[in-house]
Amino acid sequence: CVASGSFSISTMGWYRQASGKERELVALIGRTGATNYA
């Protein structure tokens, strides 16, 4: 995933949504590399 624009991004990550279900967290990563996973 590439982000474009003029900015300073803090957290980046991924969510997913299966058919018929709510969107859920997959993984996040902070600017310094700290991670969080489902």
Full PDB file with SEQRES, HELIX, SHEET, SSBOND, CRYST1, ORIGX, SCALE, CONECT and MASTER records, all heavy atoms in Angstrom:
SEQRES   1 A   38  CYS VAL ALA SER GLY SER PHE SER ILE SER THR MET GLY          
SEQRES   2 A   38  TRP TYR ARG GLN ALA SER GLY LYS GLU ARG GLU LEU VAL          
SEQRES   3 A   38  ALA LEU ILE GLY ARG THR GLY ALA THR ASN TYR ALA              
SHEET    1 AA1 3 MET A  12  ARG A  16  0                                        
SHEET    2 AA1 3 GLU A  24  ILE A  29 -1                                        
SHEET    3 AA1 3 THR A  35  TYR A  37 -1                                        
CRYST1    1.000    1.000    1.000  90.00  90.00  90.00 P 1           1          
ORIGX1      1.000000  0.000000  0.000000        0.00000                         
ORIGX2      0.000000  1.000000  0.000000        0.00000                         
ORIGX3      0.000000  0.000000  1.000000        0.00000                         
SCALE1      1.000000  0.000000  0.000000        0.00000                         
SCALE2      0.000000  1.000000  0.000000        0.00000                         
SCALE3      0.000000  0.000000  1.000000        0.00000                         
ATOM      1  N   CYS A   1       0.853  -1.183   0.000  1.00  0.00           N  
ATOM      2  CA  CYS A   1       0.000   0.000   0.000  1.00  0.00           C  
ATOM      3  C   CYS A   1       0.886   1.228   0.000  1.00  0.00           C  
ATOM      4  O   CYS A   1       1.708   1.398   0.908  1.00  0.00           O  
ATOM      5  CB  CYS A   1      -0.923   0.000   1.202  1.00  0.00           C  
ATOM      6  SG  CYS A   1      -1.891   1.502   1.397  1.00  0.00           S  
ATOM      7  N   VAL A   2       0.690   2.085  -1.000  1.00  0.00           N  
ATOM      8  CA  VAL A   2       1.449   3.323  -1.101  1.00  0.00           C  
ATOM      9  C   VAL A   2       0.550   4.493  -0.763  1.00  0.00           C  
ATOM     10  O   VAL A   2      -0.570   4.611  -1.295  1.00  0.00           O  
ATOM     11  CB  VAL A   2       2.022   3.503  -2.517  1.00  0.00           C  
ATOM     12  CG1 VAL A   2       2.810   4.790  -2.596  1.00  0.00           C  
ATOM     13  CG2 VAL A   2       2.894   2.318  -2.887  1.00  0.00           C  
ATOM     14  N   ALA A   3       1.040   5.351   0.098  1.00  0.00           N  
ATOM     15  CA  ALA A   3       0.304   6.557   0.475  1.00  0.00           C  
ATOM     16  C   ALA A   3       0.894   7.753  -0.260  1.00  0.00           C  
ATOM     17  O   ALA A   3       2.113   7.941  -0.271  1.00  0.00           O  
ATOM     18  CB  ALA A   3       0.393   6.775   1.973  1.00  0.00           C  
ATOM     19  N   SER A   4       0.037   8.554  -0.857  1.00  0.00           N  
ATOM     20  CA  SER A   4       0.504   9.745  -1.569  1.00  0.00           C  
ATOM     21  C   SER A   4      -0.122  10.988  -0.959  1.00  0.00           C  
ATOM     22  O   SER A   4      -1.209  10.945  -0.396  1.00  0.00           O  
ATOM     23  CB  SER A   4       0.141   9.655  -3.053  1.00  0.00           C  
ATOM     24  OG  SER A   4      -1.257   9.568  -3.217  1.00  0.00           O  
ATOM     25  N   GLY A   5       0.588  12.094  -1.100  1.00  0.00           N  
ATOM     26  CA  GLY A   5       0.123  13.354  -0.521  1.00  0.00           C  
ATOM     27  C   GLY A   5       1.218  13.964   0.329  1.00  0.00           C  
ATOM     28  O   GLY A   5       2.260  13.353   0.541  1.00  0.00           O  
ATOM     29  N   SER A   6       0.974  15.151   0.811  1.00  0.00           N  
ATOM     30  CA  SER A   6       1.947  15.853   1.648  1.00  0.00           C  
ATOM     31  C   SER A   6       1.515  15.746   3.099  1.00  0.00           C  
ATOM     32  O   SER A   6       0.490  16.293   3.491  1.00  0.00           O  
ATOM     33  CB  SER A   6       2.027  17.324   1.235  1.00  0.00           C  
ATOM     34  OG  SER A   6       2.948  18.006   2.053  1.00  0.00           O  
ATOM     35  N   PHE A   7       2.287  15.016   3.924  1.00  0.00           N  
ATOM     36  CA  PHE A   7       1.789  14.670   5.239  1.00  0.00           C  
ATOM     37  C   PHE A   7       2.885  13.976   6.054  1.00  0.00           C  
ATOM     38  O   PHE A   7       3.947  13.652   5.525  1.00  0.00           O  
ATOM     39  CB  PHE A   7       0.636  13.674   5.098  1.00  0.00           C  
ATOM     40  CG  PHE A   7       0.975  12.607   4.100  1.00  0.00           C  
ATOM     41  CD1 PHE A   7       1.776  11.539   4.443  1.00  0.00           C  
ATOM     42  CD2 PHE A   7       0.522  12.690   2.799  1.00  0.00           C  
ATOM     43  CE1 PHE A   7       2.122  10.575   3.524  1.00  0.00           C  
ATOM     44  CE2 PHE A   7       0.874  11.729   1.863  1.00  0.00           C  
ATOM     45  CZ  PHE A   7       1.672  10.672   2.227  1.00  0.00           C  
ATOM     46  N   SER A   8       2.583  13.730   7.314  1.00  0.00           N  
ATOM     47  CA  SER A   8       3.432  12.900   8.169  1.00  0.00           C  
ATOM     48  C   SER A   8       2.549  11.810   8.757  1.00  0.00           C  
ATOM     49  O   SER A   8       1.683  12.087   9.601  1.00  0.00           O  
ATOM     50  CB  SER A   8       4.051  13.739   9.285  1.00  0.00           C  
ATOM     51  OG  SER A   8       4.808  12.919  10.141  1.00  0.00           O  
ATOM     52  N   ILE A   9       2.749  10.612   8.296  1.00  0.00           N  
ATOM     53  CA  ILE A   9       1.901   9.500   8.711  1.00  0.00           C  
ATOM     54  C   ILE A   9       2.373   8.944  10.046  1.00  0.00           C  
ATOM     55  O   ILE A   9       3.569   8.758  10.246  1.00  0.00           O  
ATOM     56  CB  ILE A   9       1.919   8.385   7.660  1.00  0.00           C  
ATOM     57  CG1 ILE A   9       1.350   8.894   6.334  1.00  0.00           C  
ATOM     58  CG2 ILE A   9       1.122   7.185   8.137  1.00  0.00           C  
ATOM     59  CD1 ILE A   9       1.447   7.881   5.219  1.00  0.00           C  
ATOM     60  N   SER A  10       1.442   8.665  10.937  1.00  0.00           N  
ATOM     61  CA  SER A  10       1.815   7.991  12.176  1.00  0.00           C  
ATOM     62  C   SER A  10       1.597   6.484  12.001  1.00  0.00           C  
ATOM     63  O   SER A  10       2.478   5.790  11.547  1.00  0.00           O  
ATOM     64  CB  SER A  10       1.042   8.553  13.360  1.00  0.00           C  
ATOM     65  OG  SER A  10      -0.348   8.540  13.116  1.00  0.00           O  
ATOM     66  N   THR A  11       0.421   5.991  12.279  1.00  0.00           N  
ATOM     67  CA  THR A  11       0.165   4.567  12.189  1.00  0.00           C  
ATOM     68  C   THR A  11      -0.274   4.159  10.783  1.00  0.00           C  
ATOM     69  O   THR A  11      -1.038   4.881  10.140  1.00  0.00           O  
ATOM     70  CB  THR A  11      -0.923   4.153  13.183  1.00  0.00           C  
ATOM     71  OG1 THR A  11      -0.504   4.484  14.503  1.00  0.00           O  
ATOM     72  CG2 THR A  11      -1.215   2.660  13.118  1.00  0.00           C  
ATOM     73  N   MET A  12       0.220   3.013  10.333  1.00  0.00           N  
ATOM     74  CA  MET A  12      -0.253   2.406   9.085  1.00  0.00           C  
ATOM     75  C   MET A  12      -0.677   0.971   9.393  1.00  0.00           C  
ATOM     76  O   MET A  12      -0.254   0.388  10.401  1.00  0.00           O  
ATOM     77  CB  MET A  12       0.829   2.388   8.013  1.00  0.00           C  
ATOM     78  CG  MET A  12       1.344   3.756   7.636  1.00  0.00           C  
ATOM     79  SD  MET A  12       2.471   3.729   6.224  1.00  0.00           S  
ATOM     80  CE  MET A  12       1.294   3.622   4.854  1.00  0.00           C  
ATOM     81  N   GLY A  13      -1.514   0.425   8.531  1.00  0.00           N  
ATOM     82  CA  GLY A  13      -1.918  -0.944   8.813  1.00  0.00           C  
ATOM     83  C   GLY A  13      -2.904  -1.510   7.822  1.00  0.00           C  
ATOM     84  O   GLY A  13      -3.136  -0.926   6.753  1.00  0.00           O  
ATOM     85  N   TRP A  14      -3.449  -2.643   8.219  1.00  0.00           N  
ATOM     86  CA  TRP A  14      -4.388  -3.377   7.369  1.00  0.00           C  
ATOM     87  C   TRP A  14      -5.578  -3.843   8.183  1.00  0.00           C  
ATOM     88  O   TRP A  14      -5.423  -4.318   9.321  1.00  0.00           O  
ATOM     89  CB  TRP A  14      -3.692  -4.596   6.754  1.00  0.00           C  
ATOM     90  CG  TRP A  14      -2.571  -4.245   5.836  1.00  0.00           C  
ATOM     91  CD1 TRP A  14      -1.256  -4.082   6.156  1.00  0.00           C  
ATOM     92  CD2 TRP A  14      -2.674  -3.990   4.439  1.00  0.00           C  
ATOM     93  NE1 TRP A  14      -0.534  -3.744   5.047  1.00  0.00           N  
ATOM     94  CE2 TRP A  14      -1.367  -3.681   3.974  1.00  0.00           C  
ATOM     95  CE3 TRP A  14      -3.717  -3.999   3.512  1.00  0.00           C  
ATOM     96  CZ2 TRP A  14      -1.103  -3.384   2.628  1.00  0.00           C  
ATOM     97  CZ3 TRP A  14      -3.463  -3.704   2.186  1.00  0.00           C  
ATOM     98  CH2 TRP A  14      -2.167  -3.407   1.763  1.00  0.00           C  
ATOM     99  N   TYR A  15      -6.726  -3.713   7.584  1.00  0.00           N  
ATOM    100  CA  TYR A  15      -7.964  -4.280   8.093  1.00  0.00           C  
ATOM    101  C   TYR A  15      -8.529  -5.176   7.006  1.00  0.00           C  
ATOM    102  O   TYR A  15      -8.102  -5.101   5.850  1.00  0.00           O  
ATOM    103  CB  TYR A  15      -8.982  -3.185   8.426  1.00  0.00           C  
ATOM    104  CG  TYR A  15      -8.669  -2.415   9.688  1.00  0.00           C  
ATOM    105  CD1 TYR A  15      -7.620  -1.514   9.744  1.00  0.00           C  
ATOM    106  CD2 TYR A  15      -9.442  -2.592  10.833  1.00  0.00           C  
ATOM    107  CE1 TYR A  15      -7.340  -0.813  10.906  1.00  0.00           C  
ATOM    108  CE2 TYR A  15      -9.178  -1.887  12.006  1.00  0.00           C  
ATOM    109  CZ  TYR A  15      -8.124  -1.003  12.027  1.00  0.00           C  
ATOM    110  OH  TYR A  15      -7.850  -0.309  13.176  1.00  0.00           O  
ATOM    111  N   ARG A  16      -9.472  -6.015   7.362  1.00  0.00           N  
ATOM    112  CA  ARG A  16     -10.126  -6.846   6.357  1.00  0.00           C  
ATOM    113  C   ARG A  16     -11.608  -7.004   6.668  1.00  0.00           C  
ATOM    114  O   ARG A  16     -12.024  -6.878   7.818  1.00  0.00           O  
ATOM    115  CB  ARG A  16      -9.469  -8.222   6.252  1.00  0.00           C  
ATOM    116  CG  ARG A  16      -9.637  -9.114   7.474  1.00  0.00           C  
ATOM    117  CD  ARG A  16      -8.808 -10.385   7.330  1.00  0.00           C  
ATOM    118  NE  ARG A  16      -8.975 -11.268   8.491  1.00  0.00           N  
ATOM    119  CZ  ARG A  16      -8.264 -12.382   8.663  1.00  0.00           C  
ATOM    120  NH1 ARG A  16      -7.339 -12.742   7.769  1.00  0.00           N  
ATOM    121  NH2 ARG A  16      -8.473 -13.128   9.731  1.00  0.00           N  
ATOM    122  N   GLN A  17     -12.357  -7.285   5.611  1.00  0.00           N  
ATOM    123  CA  GLN A  17     -13.792  -7.498   5.767  1.00  0.00           C  
ATOM    124  C   GLN A  17     -14.211  -8.670   4.906  1.00  0.00           C  
ATOM    125  O   GLN A  17     -14.126  -8.602   3.670  1.00  0.00           O  
ATOM    126  CB  GLN A  17     -14.575  -6.250   5.384  1.00  0.00           C  
ATOM    127  CG  GLN A  17     -16.062  -6.355   5.685  1.00  0.00           C  
ATOM    128  CD  GLN A  17     -16.765  -5.016   5.594  1.00  0.00           C  
ATOM    129  OE1 GLN A  17     -16.247  -4.052   5.028  1.00  0.00           O  
ATOM    130  NE2 GLN A  17     -17.954  -4.932   6.170  1.00  0.00           N  
ATOM    131  N   ALA A  18     -14.640  -9.729   5.554  1.00  0.00           N  
ATOM    132  CA  ALA A  18     -15.155 -10.891   4.844  1.00  0.00           C  
ATOM    133  C   ALA A  18     -16.633 -10.674   4.530  1.00  0.00           C  
ATOM    134  O   ALA A  18     -17.301  -9.864   5.177  1.00  0.00           O  
ATOM    135  CB  ALA A  18     -14.969 -12.146   5.681  1.00  0.00           C  
ATOM    136  N   SER A  19     -17.115 -11.390   3.565  1.00  0.00           N  
ATOM    137  CA  SER A  19     -18.505 -11.251   3.145  1.00  0.00           C  
ATOM    138  C   SER A  19     -19.457 -11.518   4.315  1.00  0.00           C  
ATOM    139  O   SER A  19     -19.354 -12.553   4.987  1.00  0.00           O  
ATOM    140  CB  SER A  19     -18.806 -12.219   2.002  1.00  0.00           C  
ATOM    141  OG  SER A  19     -20.142 -12.103   1.584  1.00  0.00           O  
ATOM    142  N   GLY A  20     -20.340 -10.588   4.581  1.00  0.00           N  
ATOM    143  CA  GLY A  20     -21.316 -10.750   5.647  1.00  0.00           C  
ATOM    144  C   GLY A  20     -20.792 -10.473   7.037  1.00  0.00           C  
ATOM    145  O   GLY A  20     -21.517 -10.668   8.018  1.00  0.00           O  
ATOM    146  N   LYS A  21     -19.554 -10.014   7.142  1.00  0.00           N  
ATOM    147  CA  LYS A  21     -18.963  -9.750   8.454  1.00  0.00           C  
ATOM    148  C   LYS A  21     -18.520  -8.306   8.562  1.00  0.00           C  
ATOM    149  O   LYS A  21     -18.414  -7.600   7.561  1.00  0.00           O  
ATOM    150  CB  LYS A  21     -17.784 -10.696   8.696  1.00  0.00           C  
ATOM    151  CG  LYS A  21     -18.169 -12.162   8.775  1.00  0.00           C  
ATOM    152  CD  LYS A  21     -16.981 -13.007   9.172  1.00  0.00           C  
ATOM    153  CE  LYS A  21     -17.371 -14.471   9.312  1.00  0.00           C  
ATOM    154  NZ  LYS A  21     -16.209 -15.315   9.735  1.00  0.00           N  
ATOM    155  N   GLU A  22     -18.224  -7.884   9.790  1.00  0.00           N  
ATOM    156  CA  GLU A  22     -17.744  -6.533  10.009  1.00  0.00           C  
ATOM    157  C   GLU A  22     -16.247  -6.440   9.694  1.00  0.00           C  
ATOM    158  O   GLU A  22     -15.527  -7.434   9.731  1.00  0.00           O  
ATOM    159  CB  GLU A  22     -17.991  -6.121  11.466  1.00  0.00           C  
ATOM    160  CG  GLU A  22     -19.461  -6.020  11.829  1.00  0.00           C  
ATOM    161  CD  GLU A  22     -19.668  -5.493  13.237  1.00  0.00           C  
ATOM    162  OE1 GLU A  22     -18.679  -5.332  13.968  1.00  0.00           O  
ATOM    163  OE2 GLU A  22     -20.831  -5.234  13.596  1.00  0.00           O  
ATOM    164  N   ARG A  23     -15.818  -5.218   9.395  1.00  0.00           N  
ATOM    165  CA  ARG A  23     -14.396  -4.987   9.171  1.00  0.00           C  
ATOM    166  C   ARG A  23     -13.641  -5.242  10.468  1.00  0.00           C  
ATOM    167  O   ARG A  23     -14.075  -4.824  11.543  1.00  0.00           O  
ATOM    168  CB  ARG A  23     -14.165  -3.564   8.680  1.00  0.00           C  
ATOM    169  CG  ARG A  23     -12.759  -3.286   8.175  1.00  0.00           C  
ATOM    170  CD  ARG A  23     -12.648  -1.916   7.552  1.00  0.00           C  
ATOM    171  NE  ARG A  23     -13.489  -1.768   6.376  1.00  0.00           N  
ATOM    172  CZ  ARG A  23     -13.429  -0.719   5.558  1.00  0.00           C  
ATOM    173  NH1 ARG A  23     -12.567   0.247   5.787  1.00  0.00           N  
ATOM    174  NH2 ARG A  23     -14.238  -0.643   4.514  1.00  0.00           N  
ATOM    175  N   GLU A  24     -12.482  -5.903  10.362  1.00  0.00           N  
ATOM    176  CA  GLU A  24     -11.701  -6.228  11.549  1.00  0.00           C  
ATOM    177  C   GLU A  24     -10.226  -5.885  11.341  1.00  0.00           C  
ATOM    178  O   GLU A  24      -9.719  -5.886  10.223  1.00  0.00           O  
ATOM    179  CB  GLU A  24     -11.828  -7.723  11.881  1.00  0.00           C  
ATOM    180  CG  GLU A  24     -11.271  -8.645  10.828  1.00  0.00           C  
ATOM    181  CD  GLU A  24     -11.330 -10.114  11.237  1.00  0.00           C  
ATOM    182  OE1 GLU A  24     -11.882 -10.429  12.296  1.00  0.00           O  
ATOM    183  OE2 GLU A  24     -10.797 -10.936  10.460  1.00  0.00           O  
ATOM    184  N   LEU A  25      -9.568  -5.630  12.442  1.00  0.00           N  
ATOM    185  CA  LEU A  25      -8.141  -5.345  12.417  1.00  0.00           C  
ATOM    186  C   LEU A  25      -7.361  -6.592  12.023  1.00  0.00           C  
ATOM    187  O   LEU A  25      -7.653  -7.690  12.491  1.00  0.00           O  
ATOM    188  CB  LEU A  25      -7.680  -4.891  13.797  1.00  0.00           C  
ATOM    189  CG  LEU A  25      -6.177  -4.803  14.006  1.00  0.00           C  
ATOM    190  CD1 LEU A  25      -5.601  -3.637  13.219  1.00  0.00           C  
ATOM    191  CD2 LEU A  25      -5.843  -4.665  15.488  1.00  0.00           C  
ATOM    192  N   VAL A  26      -6.355  -6.390  11.165  1.00  0.00           N  
ATOM    193  CA  VAL A  26      -5.402  -7.456  10.845  1.00  0.00           C  
ATOM    194  C   VAL A  26      -4.074  -7.150  11.530  1.00  0.00           C  
ATOM    195  O   VAL A  26      -3.570  -7.947  12.319  1.00  0.00           O  
ATOM    196  CB  VAL A  26      -5.199  -7.591   9.328  1.00  0.00           C  
ATOM    197  CG1 VAL A  26      -4.135  -8.646   9.033  1.00  0.00           C  
ATOM    198  CG2 VAL A  26      -6.508  -7.938   8.635  1.00  0.00           C  
ATOM    199  N   ALA A  27      -3.504  -5.982  11.220  1.00  0.00           N  
ATOM    200  CA  ALA A  27      -2.218  -5.611  11.790  1.00  0.00           C  
ATOM    201  C   ALA A  27      -2.004  -4.108  11.655  1.00  0.00           C  
ATOM    202  O   ALA A  27      -2.456  -3.496  10.691  1.00  0.00           O  
ATOM    203  CB  ALA A  27      -1.079  -6.366  11.115  1.00  0.00           C  
ATOM    204  N   LEU A  28      -1.298  -3.544  12.634  1.00  0.00           N  
ATOM    205  CA  LEU A  28      -0.926  -2.131  12.616  1.00  0.00           C  
ATOM    206  C   LEU A  28       0.567  -2.003  12.884  1.00  0.00           C  
ATOM    207  O   LEU A  28       1.157  -2.856  13.568  1.00  0.00           O  
ATOM    208  CB  LEU A  28      -1.689  -1.353  13.684  1.00  0.00           C  
ATOM    209  CG  LEU A  28      -3.211  -1.268  13.538  1.00  0.00           C  
ATOM    210  CD1 LEU A  28      -3.812  -0.597  14.767  1.00  0.00           C  
ATOM    211  CD2 LEU A  28      -3.584  -0.504  12.285  1.00  0.00           C  
ATOM    212  N   ILE A  29       1.148  -0.926  12.382  1.00  0.00           N  
ATOM    213  CA  ILE A  29       2.555  -0.657  12.645  1.00  0.00           C  
ATOM    214  C   ILE A  29       2.735   0.840  12.841  1.00  0.00           C  
ATOM    215  O   ILE A  29       2.250   1.653  12.039  1.00  0.00           O  
ATOM    216  CB  ILE A  29       3.458  -1.203  11.516  1.00  0.00           C  
ATOM    217  CG1 ILE A  29       4.931  -0.995  11.868  1.00  0.00           C  
ATOM    218  CG2 ILE A  29       3.105  -0.593  10.165  1.00  0.00           C  
ATOM    219  CD1 ILE A  29       5.879  -1.781  10.959  1.00  0.00           C  
ATOM    220  N   GLY A  30       3.427   1.192  13.909  1.00  0.00           N  
ATOM    221  CA  GLY A  30       3.700   2.587  14.182  1.00  0.00           C  
ATOM    222  C   GLY A  30       4.888   3.087  13.381  1.00  0.00           C  
ATOM    223  O   GLY A  30       5.593   2.311  12.718  1.00  0.00           O  
ATOM    224  N   ARG A  31       5.115   4.390  13.451  1.00  0.00           N  
ATOM    225  CA  ARG A  31       6.179   4.992  12.659  1.00  0.00           C  
ATOM    226  C   ARG A  31       7.551   4.452  13.036  1.00  0.00           C  
ATOM    227  O   ARG A  31       8.442   4.333  12.188  1.00  0.00           O  
ATOM    228  CB  ARG A  31       6.145   6.516  12.794  1.00  0.00           C  
ATOM    229  CG  ARG A  31       7.099   7.209  11.855  1.00  0.00           C  
ATOM    230  CD  ARG A  31       6.831   8.693  11.732  1.00  0.00           C  
ATOM    231  NE  ARG A  31       7.709   9.280  10.736  1.00  0.00           N  
ATOM    232  CZ  ARG A  31       7.464   9.288   9.435  1.00  0.00           C  
ATOM    233  NH1 ARG A  31       6.357   8.738   8.966  1.00  0.00           N  
ATOM    234  NH2 ARG A  31       8.319   9.841   8.591  1.00  0.00           N  
ATOM    235  N   THR A  32       7.728   4.085  14.301  1.00  0.00           N  
ATOM    236  CA  THR A  32       9.019   3.561  14.744  1.00  0.00           C  
ATOM    237  C   THR A  32       9.090   2.039  14.696  1.00  0.00           C  
ATOM    238  O   THR A  32      10.096   1.462  15.102  1.00  0.00           O  
ATOM    239  CB  THR A  32       9.329   4.033  16.167  1.00  0.00           C  
ATOM    240  OG1 THR A  32       8.273   3.601  17.032  1.00  0.00           O  
ATOM    241  CG2 THR A  32       9.458   5.550  16.223  1.00  0.00           C  
ATOM    242  N   GLY A  33       8.032   1.394  14.216  1.00  0.00           N  
ATOM    243  CA  GLY A  33       8.084  -0.044  13.995  1.00  0.00           C  
ATOM    244  C   GLY A  33       7.334  -0.910  14.983  1.00  0.00           C  
ATOM    245  O   GLY A  33       7.306  -2.140  14.820  1.00  0.00           O  
ATOM    246  N   ALA A  34       6.721  -0.329  15.971  1.00  0.00           N  
ATOM    247  CA  ALA A  34       5.935  -1.131  16.915  1.00  0.00           C  
ATOM    248  C   ALA A  34       4.724  -1.729  16.195  1.00  0.00           C  
ATOM    249  O   ALA A  34       4.069  -1.048  15.408  1.00  0.00           O  
ATOM    250  CB  ALA A  34       5.466  -0.261  18.069  1.00  0.00           C  
ATOM    251  N   THR A  35       4.458  -2.997  16.453  1.00  0.00           N  
ATOM    252  CA  THR A  35       3.406  -3.697  15.720  1.00  0.00           C  
ATOM    253  C   THR A  35       2.321  -4.247  16.639  1.00  0.00           C  
ATOM    254  O   THR A  35       2.551  -4.467  17.830  1.00  0.00           O  
ATOM    255  CB  THR A  35       3.980  -4.868  14.900  1.00  0.00           C  
ATOM    256  OG1 THR A  35       4.650  -5.764  15.793  1.00  0.00           O  
ATOM    257  CG2 THR A  35       4.952  -4.375  13.841  1.00  0.00           C  
ATOM    258  N   ASN A  36       1.166  -4.473  16.047  1.00  0.00           N  
ATOM    259  CA  ASN A  36       0.037  -5.066  16.748  1.00  0.00           C  
ATOM    260  C   ASN A  36      -0.691  -5.963  15.755  1.00  0.00           C  
ATOM    261  O   ASN A  36      -1.001  -5.517  14.644  1.00  0.00           O  
ATOM    262  CB  ASN A  36      -0.902  -3.970  17.260  1.00  0.00           C  
ATOM    263  CG  ASN A  36      -2.076  -4.523  18.029  1.00  0.00           C  
ATOM    264  OD1 ASN A  36      -1.962  -5.550  18.690  1.00  0.00           O  
ATOM    265  ND2 ASN A  36      -3.214  -3.856  17.951  1.00  0.00           N  
ATOM    266  N   TYR A  37      -0.960  -7.210  16.145  1.00  0.00           N  
ATOM    267  CA  TYR A  37      -1.594  -8.170  15.256  1.00  0.00           C  
ATOM    268  C   TYR A  37      -2.869  -8.732  15.870  1.00  0.00           C  
ATOM    269  O   TYR A  37      -2.962  -8.915  17.087  1.00  0.00           O  
ATOM    270  CB  TYR A  37      -0.671  -9.364  14.981  1.00  0.00           C  
ATOM    271  CG  TYR A  37       0.564  -9.055  14.190  1.00  0.00           C  
ATOM    272  CD1 TYR A  37       1.763  -8.722  14.812  1.00  0.00           C  
ATOM    273  CD2 TYR A  37       0.549  -9.101  12.789  1.00  0.00           C  
ATOM    274  CE1 TYR A  37       2.910  -8.450  14.084  1.00  0.00           C  
ATOM    275  CE2 TYR A  37       1.690  -8.838  12.047  1.00  0.00           C  
ATOM    276  CZ  TYR A  37       2.867  -8.514  12.698  1.00  0.00           C  
ATOM    277  OH  TYR A  37       3.991  -8.251  11.963  1.00  0.00           O  
ATOM    278  N   ALA A  38      -3.809  -9.065  15.018  1.00  0.00           N  
ATOM    279  CA  ALA A  38      -4.954  -9.845  15.464  1.00  0.00           C  
ATOM    280  C   ALA A  38      -4.470 -11.246  15.829  1.00  0.00           C  
ATOM    281  O   ALA A  38      -3.555 -11.783  15.196  1.00  0.00           O  
ATOM    282  CB  ALA A  38      -5.995  -9.936  14.348  1.00  0.00           C  
TER     283      ALA A  38                                                      
MASTER        0    0    0    0    3    0    0    6  282    1    0    3          
END                                                                             
